[in-house]
């Protein structure tokens, strides 16, 4: 079972947007998908509730109340982490993941928060037994703005403790397609391809990375 954690301690970073669209992508690729919602606001569970029956099934898991209990037949579990996740709670979530995606919003406040959070991740990694793979994406981007350029520069320059570059994979634009998808309980991968062609192009680097061995702990 593949476990992908969408994580950022800062609220408003687009975690649920990434989690729901990633769940929709895998479900449409014929995987058995569970979407675990650890956020007390329950946004991912609300999305599941709105999902029409004609689309591939995604099992909703209200993990904030029932824990991470998913069907044994699950191929991929997407974990939507809560904001303000720190300390032991953060370590518990990390231990359940193979791969972590960290969305960051282009604003000075969010960049500073990301710096603090990534430093915390480095400090707790010695408590995790597996070599979890991490990558960042820029979320809710308005291309051509100074804030967007600053965020891209920051994410491109991130280094791992070993000195290797921290993977920065892609940007996700802020547009109406994501709002329409959220309202209907579907993903952008379930719209007509032409309607979301540009958005799918932006997702492509992230999806390629997730499909590669580089996104999985060494066996």
N, C-alpha and C. Protein backbone atom coordinates (compact mmCIF):
# COMPACT_ATOMS: atom_id res chain seq x y z
N UNK A 1 0.84 -1.19 0.00
CA UNK A 1 0.00 0.00 0.00
C UNK A 1 0.88 1.25 0.00
N UNK A 2 0.64 2.16 -0.92
CA UNK A 2 1.39 3.41 -1.02
C UNK A 2 0.73 4.48 -0.17
N UNK A 3 1.51 5.18 0.62
CA UNK A 3 1.00 6.23 1.50
C UNK A 3 1.65 7.57 1.16
N UNK A 4 0.82 8.54 0.77
CA UNK A 4 1.30 9.86 0.38
C UNK A 4 0.69 10.89 1.32
N UNK A 5 1.55 11.63 2.00
CA UNK A 5 1.13 12.61 3.00
C UNK A 5 1.25 14.02 2.42
N UNK A 6 0.15 14.77 2.48
CA UNK A 6 0.14 16.17 2.04
C UNK A 6 0.24 17.01 3.30
N UNK A 7 1.33 17.76 3.43
CA UNK A 7 1.69 18.30 4.74
C UNK A 7 2.21 19.73 4.64
N UNK A 8 1.72 20.57 5.52
CA UNK A 8 2.28 21.90 5.77
C UNK A 8 1.62 22.41 7.03
N UNK A 9 2.40 22.84 8.01
CA UNK A 9 1.82 23.30 9.26
C UNK A 9 1.04 24.60 9.11
N UNK A 10 1.29 25.33 8.03
CA UNK A 10 0.60 26.61 7.80
C UNK A 10 -0.75 26.36 7.14
N UNK A 11 -1.80 26.96 7.68
CA UNK A 11 -3.12 26.85 7.08
C UNK A 11 -3.19 27.61 5.77
N UNK A 12 -4.11 27.19 4.90
CA UNK A 12 -4.33 27.90 3.64
C UNK A 12 -3.29 27.62 2.58
N UNK A 13 -2.55 26.52 2.71
CA UNK A 13 -1.48 26.23 1.76
C UNK A 13 -1.96 25.40 0.57
N UNK A 14 -3.22 25.01 0.58
CA UNK A 14 -3.74 24.22 -0.54
C UNK A 14 -3.59 22.72 -0.38
N UNK A 15 -3.44 22.25 0.87
CA UNK A 15 -3.25 20.82 1.10
C UNK A 15 -4.42 19.99 0.58
N UNK A 16 -5.64 20.43 0.93
CA UNK A 16 -6.82 19.65 0.54
C UNK A 16 -7.00 19.64 -0.97
N UNK A 17 -6.70 20.75 -1.63
CA UNK A 17 -6.77 20.79 -3.09
C UNK A 17 -5.83 19.76 -3.70
N UNK A 18 -4.62 19.69 -3.19
CA UNK A 18 -3.65 18.71 -3.69
C UNK A 18 -4.13 17.30 -3.37
N UNK A 19 -4.59 17.07 -2.15
CA UNK A 19 -5.01 15.73 -1.73
C UNK A 19 -6.18 15.22 -2.55
N UNK A 20 -7.21 16.03 -2.74
CA UNK A 20 -8.40 15.57 -3.45
C UNK A 20 -8.11 15.34 -4.92
N UNK A 21 -7.34 16.21 -5.53
CA UNK A 21 -7.04 16.03 -6.95
C UNK A 21 -6.11 14.85 -7.17
N UNK A 22 -5.19 14.62 -6.25
CA UNK A 22 -4.32 13.45 -6.36
C UNK A 22 -5.14 12.16 -6.18
N UNK A 23 -6.09 12.18 -5.24
CA UNK A 23 -6.96 11.02 -5.05
C UNK A 23 -7.75 10.74 -6.33
N UNK A 24 -8.29 11.80 -6.95
CA UNK A 24 -9.03 11.63 -8.19
C UNK A 24 -8.17 11.10 -9.31
N UNK A 25 -6.93 11.55 -9.38
CA UNK A 25 -6.01 11.07 -10.42
C UNK A 25 -5.79 9.56 -10.29
N UNK A 26 -5.46 9.10 -9.08
CA UNK A 26 -5.19 7.68 -8.90
C UNK A 26 -6.44 6.84 -9.09
N UNK A 27 -7.59 7.34 -8.64
CA UNK A 27 -8.83 6.59 -8.83
C UNK A 27 -9.14 6.39 -10.30
N UNK A 28 -8.86 7.41 -11.12
CA UNK A 28 -9.10 7.30 -12.55
C UNK A 28 -8.05 6.46 -13.26
N UNK A 29 -6.97 6.16 -12.54
CA UNK A 29 -5.96 5.23 -13.08
C UNK A 29 -6.22 3.80 -12.60
N UNK A 30 -7.45 3.58 -12.09
CA UNK A 30 -7.92 2.25 -11.67
C UNK A 30 -7.28 1.76 -10.38
N UNK A 31 -6.72 2.66 -9.60
CA UNK A 31 -6.21 2.27 -8.28
C UNK A 31 -7.34 2.32 -7.25
N UNK A 32 -7.23 1.49 -6.24
CA UNK A 32 -8.17 1.54 -5.12
C UNK A 32 -7.61 2.56 -4.12
N UNK A 33 -8.34 3.67 -3.98
CA UNK A 33 -7.82 4.84 -3.28
C UNK A 33 -8.61 5.12 -2.00
N UNK A 34 -7.88 5.46 -0.95
CA UNK A 34 -8.48 5.96 0.28
C UNK A 34 -7.96 7.37 0.51
N UNK A 35 -8.84 8.26 0.93
CA UNK A 35 -8.48 9.64 1.25
C UNK A 35 -8.73 9.84 2.74
N UNK A 36 -7.63 9.96 3.50
CA UNK A 36 -7.72 10.08 4.95
C UNK A 36 -7.65 11.55 5.36
N UNK A 37 -8.67 11.99 6.07
CA UNK A 37 -8.79 13.40 6.45
C UNK A 37 -8.49 13.56 7.94
N UNK A 38 -7.32 14.13 8.24
CA UNK A 38 -6.94 14.40 9.62
C UNK A 38 -7.28 15.82 10.05
N UNK A 39 -7.82 16.61 9.15
CA UNK A 39 -8.12 18.01 9.45
C UNK A 39 -9.45 18.11 10.19
N UNK A 40 -9.50 18.74 11.36
CA UNK A 40 -10.77 18.89 12.09
C UNK A 40 -11.86 19.60 11.28
N UNK A 41 -11.47 20.40 10.29
CA UNK A 41 -12.47 21.07 9.46
C UNK A 41 -13.18 20.09 8.53
N UNK A 42 -12.57 18.96 8.25
CA UNK A 42 -13.21 17.93 7.46
C UNK A 42 -13.45 18.27 6.00
N UNK A 43 -12.61 19.11 5.42
CA UNK A 43 -12.83 19.53 4.04
C UNK A 43 -12.73 18.38 3.04
N UNK A 44 -11.80 17.47 3.25
CA UNK A 44 -11.67 16.34 2.34
C UNK A 44 -12.87 15.41 2.44
N UNK A 45 -13.40 15.22 3.65
CA UNK A 45 -14.59 14.40 3.81
C UNK A 45 -15.80 15.06 3.18
N UNK A 46 -15.88 16.38 3.25
CA UNK A 46 -16.96 17.10 2.57
C UNK A 46 -16.88 16.86 1.06
N UNK A 47 -15.67 16.86 0.53
CA UNK A 47 -15.47 16.61 -0.90
C UNK A 47 -15.94 15.20 -1.27
N UNK A 48 -15.61 14.22 -0.45
CA UNK A 48 -16.06 12.85 -0.68
C UNK A 48 -17.59 12.78 -0.69
N UNK A 49 -18.21 13.50 0.24
CA UNK A 49 -19.67 13.49 0.34
C UNK A 49 -20.33 14.02 -0.94
N UNK A 50 -19.69 15.00 -1.58
CA UNK A 50 -20.23 15.60 -2.80
C UNK A 50 -19.94 14.76 -4.04
N UNK A 51 -19.09 13.76 -3.92
CA UNK A 51 -18.63 13.02 -5.11
C UNK A 51 -19.75 12.21 -5.74
N UNK A 52 -20.05 12.43 -7.03
CA UNK A 52 -21.12 11.67 -7.69
C UNK A 52 -20.75 10.19 -7.84
N UNK A 53 -21.75 9.34 -7.77
CA UNK A 53 -21.53 7.89 -7.81
C UNK A 53 -20.98 7.42 -9.15
N UNK A 54 -21.16 8.22 -10.21
CA UNK A 54 -20.70 7.77 -11.54
C UNK A 54 -19.18 7.82 -11.70
N UNK A 55 -18.49 8.49 -10.77
CA UNK A 55 -17.03 8.57 -10.85
C UNK A 55 -16.39 7.44 -10.05
N UNK A 56 -15.13 7.09 -10.36
CA UNK A 56 -14.47 6.01 -9.62
C UNK A 56 -14.51 6.24 -8.12
N UNK A 57 -14.75 5.17 -7.40
CA UNK A 57 -14.92 5.28 -5.95
C UNK A 57 -13.62 5.65 -5.25
N UNK A 58 -13.75 6.54 -4.28
CA UNK A 58 -12.66 6.89 -3.36
C UNK A 58 -13.20 6.70 -1.95
N UNK A 59 -12.54 5.91 -1.15
CA UNK A 59 -12.99 5.66 0.22
C UNK A 59 -12.57 6.80 1.12
N UNK A 60 -13.53 7.45 1.75
CA UNK A 60 -13.23 8.52 2.68
C UNK A 60 -12.98 7.97 4.08
N UNK A 61 -11.91 8.45 4.71
CA UNK A 61 -11.55 7.98 6.05
C UNK A 61 -11.50 9.19 6.98
N UNK A 62 -12.45 9.32 7.91
CA UNK A 62 -12.43 10.45 8.86
C UNK A 62 -11.38 10.22 9.94
N UNK A 63 -10.12 10.31 9.57
CA UNK A 63 -9.02 9.89 10.44
C UNK A 63 -8.92 10.74 11.70
N UNK A 64 -9.41 11.97 11.65
CA UNK A 64 -9.31 12.83 12.83
C UNK A 64 -10.10 12.24 14.00
N UNK A 65 -11.14 11.45 13.71
CA UNK A 65 -11.95 10.85 14.77
C UNK A 65 -11.74 9.34 14.90
N UNK A 66 -11.45 8.66 13.78
CA UNK A 66 -11.38 7.20 13.81
C UNK A 66 -9.99 6.63 13.59
N UNK A 67 -9.01 7.48 13.31
CA UNK A 67 -7.67 7.01 13.04
C UNK A 67 -7.53 6.54 11.59
N UNK A 68 -6.33 6.12 11.25
CA UNK A 68 -6.02 5.74 9.87
C UNK A 68 -6.38 4.27 9.65
N UNK A 69 -7.67 4.03 9.45
CA UNK A 69 -8.16 2.67 9.20
C UNK A 69 -8.69 2.62 7.77
N UNK A 70 -7.95 1.95 6.91
CA UNK A 70 -8.32 1.89 5.50
C UNK A 70 -8.53 0.43 5.10
N UNK A 71 -9.33 0.17 4.06
CA UNK A 71 -9.53 -1.21 3.60
C UNK A 71 -8.20 -1.86 3.22
N UNK A 72 -8.08 -3.15 3.48
CA UNK A 72 -6.84 -3.86 3.19
C UNK A 72 -6.53 -3.88 1.70
N UNK A 73 -7.56 -3.76 0.89
CA UNK A 73 -7.37 -3.80 -0.56
C UNK A 73 -6.89 -2.48 -1.14
N UNK A 74 -6.69 -1.48 -0.31
CA UNK A 74 -6.29 -0.15 -0.78
C UNK A 74 -4.92 -0.20 -1.46
N UNK A 75 -4.82 0.45 -2.61
CA UNK A 75 -3.54 0.57 -3.31
C UNK A 75 -2.79 1.83 -2.90
N UNK A 76 -3.54 2.93 -2.79
CA UNK A 76 -2.94 4.23 -2.47
C UNK A 76 -3.78 4.92 -1.41
N UNK A 77 -3.15 5.39 -0.35
CA UNK A 77 -3.84 6.21 0.63
C UNK A 77 -3.23 7.61 0.60
N UNK A 78 -4.09 8.60 0.42
CA UNK A 78 -3.69 10.01 0.42
C UNK A 78 -4.09 10.58 1.78
N UNK A 79 -3.14 11.15 2.49
CA UNK A 79 -3.39 11.68 3.83
C UNK A 79 -3.38 13.20 3.80
N UNK A 80 -4.52 13.79 4.13
CA UNK A 80 -4.64 15.25 4.21
C UNK A 80 -4.38 15.65 5.66
N UNK A 81 -3.18 16.17 5.92
CA UNK A 81 -2.77 16.47 7.30
C UNK A 81 -3.42 17.77 7.79
N UNK A 82 -3.60 17.90 9.09
CA UNK A 82 -4.14 19.15 9.64
C UNK A 82 -3.09 20.23 9.68
N UNK A 83 -3.54 21.47 9.74
CA UNK A 83 -2.61 22.58 9.97
C UNK A 83 -2.12 22.53 11.42
N UNK A 84 -1.06 23.26 11.69
CA UNK A 84 -0.49 23.35 13.04
C UNK A 84 -0.08 21.98 13.57
N UNK A 85 0.47 21.15 12.67
CA UNK A 85 0.95 19.83 13.07
C UNK A 85 2.42 19.94 13.48
N UNK A 86 2.70 19.66 14.74
CA UNK A 86 4.06 19.80 15.25
C UNK A 86 4.35 18.66 16.24
N UNK A 87 5.60 18.56 16.64
CA UNK A 87 6.00 17.67 17.71
C UNK A 87 5.63 16.22 17.49
N UNK A 88 5.09 15.57 18.53
CA UNK A 88 4.77 14.15 18.47
C UNK A 88 3.72 13.86 17.40
N UNK A 89 2.75 14.75 17.24
CA UNK A 89 1.71 14.56 16.22
C UNK A 89 2.34 14.52 14.83
N UNK A 90 3.30 15.39 14.60
CA UNK A 90 4.00 15.41 13.31
C UNK A 90 4.77 14.11 13.11
N UNK A 91 5.47 13.65 14.12
CA UNK A 91 6.25 12.41 14.01
C UNK A 91 5.33 11.23 13.71
N UNK A 92 4.16 11.18 14.37
CA UNK A 92 3.21 10.08 14.14
C UNK A 92 2.76 10.04 12.69
N UNK A 93 2.45 11.20 12.11
CA UNK A 93 2.04 11.25 10.71
C UNK A 93 3.19 10.85 9.79
N UNK A 94 4.38 11.33 10.07
CA UNK A 94 5.54 11.00 9.24
C UNK A 94 5.80 9.50 9.21
N UNK A 95 5.59 8.83 10.31
CA UNK A 95 5.83 7.39 10.39
C UNK A 95 4.85 6.60 9.54
N UNK A 96 3.75 7.22 9.15
CA UNK A 96 2.73 6.53 8.35
C UNK A 96 2.89 6.79 6.86
N UNK A 97 3.89 7.55 6.48
CA UNK A 97 4.01 7.97 5.08
C UNK A 97 5.24 7.40 4.41
N UNK A 98 5.11 7.13 3.11
CA UNK A 98 6.26 6.82 2.26
C UNK A 98 6.78 8.08 1.57
N UNK A 99 5.85 8.97 1.26
CA UNK A 99 6.16 10.14 0.45
C UNK A 99 5.43 11.35 1.03
N UNK A 100 6.11 12.50 1.04
CA UNK A 100 5.51 13.73 1.55
C UNK A 100 5.55 14.79 0.46
N UNK A 101 4.42 15.44 0.26
CA UNK A 101 4.34 16.59 -0.64
C UNK A 101 3.99 17.82 0.21
N UNK A 102 4.80 18.85 0.07
CA UNK A 102 4.62 20.07 0.85
C UNK A 102 4.23 21.21 -0.09
N UNK A 103 2.96 21.61 -0.11
CA UNK A 103 2.58 22.77 -0.92
C UNK A 103 2.87 24.08 -0.17
N UNK A 104 3.39 25.05 -0.90
CA UNK A 104 3.72 26.35 -0.30
C UNK A 104 3.09 27.45 -1.15
N UNK A 105 2.46 28.40 -0.47
CA UNK A 105 1.77 29.51 -1.14
C UNK A 105 2.73 30.68 -1.30
N UNK A 106 2.66 31.41 -2.44
CA UNK A 106 3.58 32.53 -2.67
C UNK A 106 3.19 33.80 -1.91
N UNK A 107 3.65 33.90 -0.69
CA UNK A 107 3.54 35.13 0.08
C UNK A 107 4.69 35.16 1.06
N UNK A 108 5.16 36.34 1.43
CA UNK A 108 6.28 36.40 2.39
C UNK A 108 5.99 35.68 3.69
N UNK A 109 4.75 35.77 4.19
CA UNK A 109 4.38 35.11 5.43
C UNK A 109 4.48 33.60 5.28
N UNK A 110 3.98 33.08 4.15
CA UNK A 110 4.00 31.64 3.94
C UNK A 110 5.41 31.11 3.70
N UNK A 111 6.24 31.88 3.03
CA UNK A 111 7.62 31.46 2.81
C UNK A 111 8.37 31.37 4.13
N UNK A 112 8.17 32.35 5.00
CA UNK A 112 8.83 32.30 6.32
C UNK A 112 8.31 31.12 7.13
N UNK A 113 7.00 30.87 7.05
CA UNK A 113 6.43 29.72 7.77
C UNK A 113 7.00 28.42 7.22
N UNK A 114 7.17 28.34 5.90
CA UNK A 114 7.75 27.14 5.29
C UNK A 114 9.18 26.93 5.75
N UNK A 115 9.94 27.99 5.88
CA UNK A 115 11.31 27.87 6.35
C UNK A 115 11.36 27.26 7.75
N UNK A 116 10.47 27.75 8.62
CA UNK A 116 10.44 27.22 9.99
C UNK A 116 9.98 25.76 10.00
N UNK A 117 8.99 25.45 9.18
CA UNK A 117 8.46 24.09 9.17
C UNK A 117 9.46 23.10 8.61
N UNK A 118 10.16 23.47 7.55
CA UNK A 118 11.17 22.57 6.98
C UNK A 118 12.32 22.34 7.96
N UNK A 119 12.64 23.38 8.73
CA UNK A 119 13.66 23.21 9.77
C UNK A 119 13.18 22.21 10.83
N UNK A 120 11.90 22.28 11.17
CA UNK A 120 11.35 21.32 12.14
C UNK A 120 11.38 19.91 11.58
N UNK A 121 11.06 19.76 10.30
CA UNK A 121 11.12 18.44 9.68
C UNK A 121 12.52 17.86 9.77
N UNK A 122 13.52 18.69 9.51
CA UNK A 122 14.91 18.21 9.61
C UNK A 122 15.23 17.75 11.03
N UNK A 123 14.70 18.48 12.01
CA UNK A 123 15.01 18.17 13.40
C UNK A 123 14.36 16.89 13.91
N UNK A 124 13.24 16.49 13.30
CA UNK A 124 12.55 15.29 13.79
C UNK A 124 12.84 14.05 12.94
N UNK A 125 13.55 14.20 11.84
CA UNK A 125 13.74 13.06 10.94
C UNK A 125 14.52 11.92 11.60
N UNK A 126 15.34 12.23 12.59
CA UNK A 126 16.07 11.16 13.26
C UNK A 126 15.13 10.25 14.05
N UNK A 127 13.91 10.70 14.30
CA UNK A 127 12.93 9.89 15.02
C UNK A 127 12.13 8.98 14.09
N UNK A 128 12.33 9.12 12.79
CA UNK A 128 11.60 8.32 11.80
C UNK A 128 12.54 7.24 11.29
N UNK A 129 12.07 6.00 11.28
CA UNK A 129 12.95 4.88 10.92
C UNK A 129 13.14 4.73 9.43
N UNK A 130 12.19 5.19 8.63
CA UNK A 130 12.30 5.03 7.18
C UNK A 130 12.78 6.32 6.53
N UNK A 131 13.34 6.17 5.37
CA UNK A 131 13.86 7.32 4.61
C UNK A 131 12.73 7.90 3.75
N UNK A 132 11.84 8.65 4.40
CA UNK A 132 10.70 9.22 3.68
C UNK A 132 11.20 10.21 2.63
N UNK A 133 10.58 10.17 1.46
CA UNK A 133 10.95 11.08 0.40
C UNK A 133 10.05 12.31 0.43
N UNK A 134 10.65 13.48 0.30
CA UNK A 134 9.92 14.73 0.38
C UNK A 134 10.13 15.55 -0.89
N UNK A 135 9.11 16.33 -1.23
CA UNK A 135 9.21 17.27 -2.34
C UNK A 135 8.27 18.44 -2.08
N UNK A 136 8.58 19.55 -2.69
CA UNK A 136 7.72 20.73 -2.55
C UNK A 136 7.07 21.08 -3.88
N UNK A 137 5.91 21.74 -3.78
CA UNK A 137 5.27 22.34 -4.95
C UNK A 137 4.81 23.73 -4.56
N UNK A 138 4.71 24.61 -5.53
CA UNK A 138 4.17 25.94 -5.30
C UNK A 138 2.67 25.88 -5.57
N UNK A 139 1.89 26.34 -4.62
CA UNK A 139 0.44 26.20 -4.69
C UNK A 139 -0.22 27.57 -4.83
N UNK A 140 -1.38 27.59 -5.52
CA UNK A 140 -2.18 28.81 -5.66
C UNK A 140 -1.36 29.95 -6.26
N UNK A 141 -0.65 29.62 -7.30
CA UNK A 141 0.25 30.59 -7.93
C UNK A 141 -0.48 31.52 -8.89
N UNK A 142 -0.12 32.77 -8.84
CA UNK A 142 -0.50 33.75 -9.87
C UNK A 142 0.78 34.09 -10.62
N UNK A 143 0.93 33.51 -11.79
CA UNK A 143 2.17 33.64 -12.53
C UNK A 143 2.46 35.10 -12.89
N UNK A 144 3.75 35.43 -12.87
CA UNK A 144 4.17 36.76 -13.26
C UNK A 144 4.22 37.76 -12.13
N UNK A 145 3.82 37.35 -10.92
CA UNK A 145 3.86 38.25 -9.78
C UNK A 145 5.21 38.14 -9.07
N UNK A 146 5.57 39.17 -8.33
CA UNK A 146 6.83 39.18 -7.60
C UNK A 146 6.83 38.08 -6.52
N UNK A 147 5.68 37.91 -5.85
CA UNK A 147 5.60 36.88 -4.81
C UNK A 147 5.83 35.50 -5.38
N UNK A 148 5.29 35.25 -6.58
CA UNK A 148 5.48 33.95 -7.23
C UNK A 148 6.94 33.73 -7.57
N UNK A 149 7.60 34.75 -8.09
CA UNK A 149 9.02 34.64 -8.43
C UNK A 149 9.86 34.39 -7.19
N UNK A 150 9.54 35.09 -6.09
CA UNK A 150 10.29 34.90 -4.84
C UNK A 150 10.13 33.46 -4.33
N UNK A 151 8.91 32.92 -4.42
CA UNK A 151 8.68 31.56 -3.95
C UNK A 151 9.44 30.56 -4.80
N UNK A 152 9.39 30.71 -6.11
CA UNK A 152 10.12 29.79 -6.99
C UNK A 152 11.61 29.83 -6.68
N UNK A 153 12.17 31.03 -6.49
CA UNK A 153 13.59 31.15 -6.17
C UNK A 153 13.92 30.42 -4.86
N UNK A 154 13.05 30.61 -3.87
CA UNK A 154 13.28 29.98 -2.57
C UNK A 154 13.23 28.46 -2.67
N UNK A 155 12.21 27.94 -3.35
CA UNK A 155 12.05 26.49 -3.43
C UNK A 155 13.15 25.84 -4.28
N UNK A 156 13.57 26.53 -5.34
CA UNK A 156 14.66 26.00 -6.16
C UNK A 156 15.97 25.93 -5.39
N UNK A 157 16.16 26.84 -4.44
CA UNK A 157 17.43 26.92 -3.71
C UNK A 157 17.48 26.03 -2.46
N UNK A 158 16.34 25.38 -2.11
CA UNK A 158 16.32 24.56 -0.90
C UNK A 158 17.31 23.41 -1.00
N UNK A 159 17.99 23.15 0.10
CA UNK A 159 18.96 22.05 0.15
C UNK A 159 18.57 21.08 1.27
N UNK A 160 18.82 19.81 1.03
CA UNK A 160 18.70 18.80 2.07
C UNK A 160 19.91 18.87 2.99
N UNK A 161 19.84 18.28 4.19
CA UNK A 161 21.01 18.29 5.08
C UNK A 161 22.27 17.74 4.42
N UNK A 162 22.10 16.83 3.46
CA UNK A 162 23.26 16.26 2.77
C UNK A 162 23.89 17.23 1.78
N UNK A 163 23.19 18.34 1.51
CA UNK A 163 23.68 19.29 0.53
C UNK A 163 23.03 19.15 -0.82
N UNK A 164 22.31 18.02 -1.04
CA UNK A 164 21.59 17.84 -2.30
C UNK A 164 20.38 18.77 -2.36
N UNK A 165 19.97 19.10 -3.60
CA UNK A 165 18.83 20.00 -3.76
C UNK A 165 17.55 19.32 -3.31
N UNK A 166 16.74 20.06 -2.58
CA UNK A 166 15.43 19.59 -2.15
C UNK A 166 14.51 19.62 -3.36
N UNK A 167 13.85 18.51 -3.71
CA UNK A 167 13.06 18.49 -4.95
C UNK A 167 11.92 19.51 -4.94
N UNK A 168 11.97 20.45 -5.88
CA UNK A 168 10.85 21.36 -6.15
C UNK A 168 10.31 20.95 -7.51
N UNK A 169 9.05 20.49 -7.54
CA UNK A 169 8.57 19.78 -8.71
C UNK A 169 7.77 20.62 -9.69
N UNK A 170 6.90 21.47 -9.21
CA UNK A 170 6.02 22.18 -10.14
C UNK A 170 5.26 23.29 -9.42
N UNK A 171 4.45 24.01 -10.20
CA UNK A 171 3.55 25.01 -9.64
C UNK A 171 2.12 24.61 -10.00
N UNK A 172 1.20 24.93 -9.12
CA UNK A 172 -0.22 24.74 -9.40
C UNK A 172 -0.88 26.11 -9.40
N UNK A 173 -1.49 26.45 -10.50
CA UNK A 173 -2.07 27.78 -10.66
C UNK A 173 -3.36 27.93 -9.84
N UNK A 174 -3.63 29.16 -9.45
CA UNK A 174 -4.92 29.47 -8.83
C UNK A 174 -5.91 29.79 -9.94
N UNK A 175 -6.90 28.95 -10.11
CA UNK A 175 -7.92 29.24 -11.12
C UNK A 175 -9.24 28.59 -10.77
N UNK A 176 -10.25 28.87 -11.59
CA UNK A 176 -11.61 28.43 -11.30
C UNK A 176 -11.81 26.93 -11.45
N UNK A 177 -10.95 26.25 -12.18
CA UNK A 177 -11.11 24.80 -12.36
C UNK A 177 -11.08 24.07 -11.02
N UNK A 178 -10.18 24.50 -10.12
CA UNK A 178 -10.08 23.84 -8.83
C UNK A 178 -11.31 24.12 -7.97
N UNK A 179 -11.86 25.32 -8.06
CA UNK A 179 -13.07 25.65 -7.32
C UNK A 179 -14.25 24.81 -7.81
N UNK A 180 -14.38 24.70 -9.12
CA UNK A 180 -15.49 23.91 -9.68
C UNK A 180 -15.34 22.44 -9.31
N UNK A 181 -14.12 21.94 -9.35
CA UNK A 181 -13.89 20.55 -8.98
C UNK A 181 -14.24 20.31 -7.51
N UNK A 182 -13.82 21.22 -6.63
CA UNK A 182 -14.10 21.08 -5.20
C UNK A 182 -15.59 21.09 -4.91
N UNK A 183 -16.32 21.94 -5.60
CA UNK A 183 -17.77 22.03 -5.38
C UNK A 183 -18.49 20.74 -5.77
N UNK A 184 -17.97 20.04 -6.78
CA UNK A 184 -18.65 18.86 -7.32
C UNK A 184 -18.12 17.54 -6.77
N UNK A 185 -17.07 17.59 -5.96
CA UNK A 185 -16.50 16.36 -5.43
C UNK A 185 -15.73 15.56 -6.46
N UNK A 186 -15.14 16.26 -7.41
CA UNK A 186 -14.34 15.59 -8.44
C UNK A 186 -12.97 16.24 -8.50
N UNK A 187 -12.11 15.71 -9.37
CA UNK A 187 -10.77 16.28 -9.56
C UNK A 187 -10.70 16.91 -10.94
N UNK A 188 -9.64 17.68 -11.17
CA UNK A 188 -9.48 18.28 -12.50
C UNK A 188 -9.24 17.21 -13.55
N UNK A 189 -8.85 16.02 -13.12
CA UNK A 189 -8.61 14.92 -14.07
C UNK A 189 -9.92 14.26 -14.51
N UNK A 190 -11.03 14.74 -13.96
CA UNK A 190 -12.34 14.20 -14.33
C UNK A 190 -13.17 15.20 -15.14
N UNK A 191 -12.59 16.34 -15.45
CA UNK A 191 -13.16 17.24 -16.44
C UNK A 191 -12.75 16.76 -17.83
N UNK A 192 -13.41 17.29 -18.86
CA UNK A 192 -12.96 17.02 -20.22
C UNK A 192 -11.51 17.46 -20.36
N UNK A 193 -10.64 16.63 -20.98
CA UNK A 193 -9.20 16.95 -21.04
C UNK A 193 -8.89 18.34 -21.57
N UNK A 194 -9.60 18.81 -22.57
CA UNK A 194 -9.31 20.13 -23.11
C UNK A 194 -9.58 21.24 -22.11
N UNK A 195 -10.55 21.03 -21.24
CA UNK A 195 -10.93 22.07 -20.28
C UNK A 195 -9.85 22.30 -19.23
N UNK A 196 -9.04 21.28 -18.98
CA UNK A 196 -8.01 21.40 -17.94
C UNK A 196 -6.63 21.03 -18.48
N UNK A 197 -6.44 21.20 -19.78
CA UNK A 197 -5.18 20.78 -20.41
C UNK A 197 -3.97 21.46 -19.78
N UNK A 198 -4.04 22.77 -19.55
CA UNK A 198 -2.89 23.47 -18.98
C UNK A 198 -2.64 23.05 -17.54
N UNK A 199 -3.72 22.86 -16.79
CA UNK A 199 -3.55 22.41 -15.41
C UNK A 199 -2.89 21.04 -15.36
N UNK A 200 -3.28 20.15 -16.25
CA UNK A 200 -2.69 18.81 -16.29
C UNK A 200 -1.20 18.88 -16.62
N UNK A 201 -0.82 19.82 -17.46
CA UNK A 201 0.61 19.98 -17.78
C UNK A 201 1.39 20.35 -16.52
N UNK A 202 0.82 21.21 -15.69
CA UNK A 202 1.51 21.60 -14.47
C UNK A 202 1.61 20.44 -13.49
N UNK A 203 0.63 19.56 -13.51
CA UNK A 203 0.67 18.39 -12.62
C UNK A 203 1.66 17.33 -13.09
N UNK A 204 1.98 17.33 -14.37
CA UNK A 204 2.78 16.25 -14.95
C UNK A 204 4.11 15.99 -14.22
N UNK A 205 4.91 17.03 -13.86
CA UNK A 205 6.18 16.74 -13.16
C UNK A 205 5.97 16.04 -11.82
N UNK A 206 4.94 16.45 -11.09
CA UNK A 206 4.64 15.81 -9.80
C UNK A 206 4.23 14.36 -10.01
N UNK A 207 3.38 14.10 -10.98
CA UNK A 207 2.91 12.74 -11.23
C UNK A 207 4.04 11.84 -11.71
N UNK A 208 4.95 12.38 -12.53
CA UNK A 208 6.11 11.58 -12.97
C UNK A 208 6.99 11.22 -11.79
N UNK A 209 7.21 12.18 -10.90
CA UNK A 209 8.04 11.92 -9.72
C UNK A 209 7.41 10.86 -8.84
N UNK A 210 6.10 10.96 -8.63
CA UNK A 210 5.41 9.98 -7.79
C UNK A 210 5.45 8.58 -8.41
N UNK A 211 5.52 8.51 -9.74
CA UNK A 211 5.57 7.22 -10.41
C UNK A 211 6.97 6.62 -10.43
N UNK A 212 7.96 7.40 -10.02
CA UNK A 212 9.35 6.94 -10.09
C UNK A 212 9.81 6.40 -8.73
N UNK A 213 10.90 5.65 -8.77
CA UNK A 213 11.48 5.11 -7.53
C UNK A 213 12.05 6.21 -6.65
N UNK A 214 12.29 7.38 -7.23
CA UNK A 214 12.88 8.49 -6.45
C UNK A 214 11.93 9.00 -5.38
N UNK A 215 10.64 8.69 -5.50
CA UNK A 215 9.68 9.18 -4.53
C UNK A 215 9.37 8.15 -3.45
N UNK A 216 10.07 7.03 -3.47
CA UNK A 216 9.81 5.96 -2.51
C UNK A 216 11.05 5.68 -1.65
N UNK A 217 10.85 5.33 -0.38
CA UNK A 217 12.00 4.94 0.45
C UNK A 217 12.71 3.73 -0.16
N UNK A 218 13.99 3.66 0.05
CA UNK A 218 14.74 2.49 -0.42
C UNK A 218 14.25 1.24 0.29
N UNK A 219 14.04 0.18 -0.48
CA UNK A 219 13.53 -1.07 0.11
C UNK A 219 14.66 -1.86 0.75
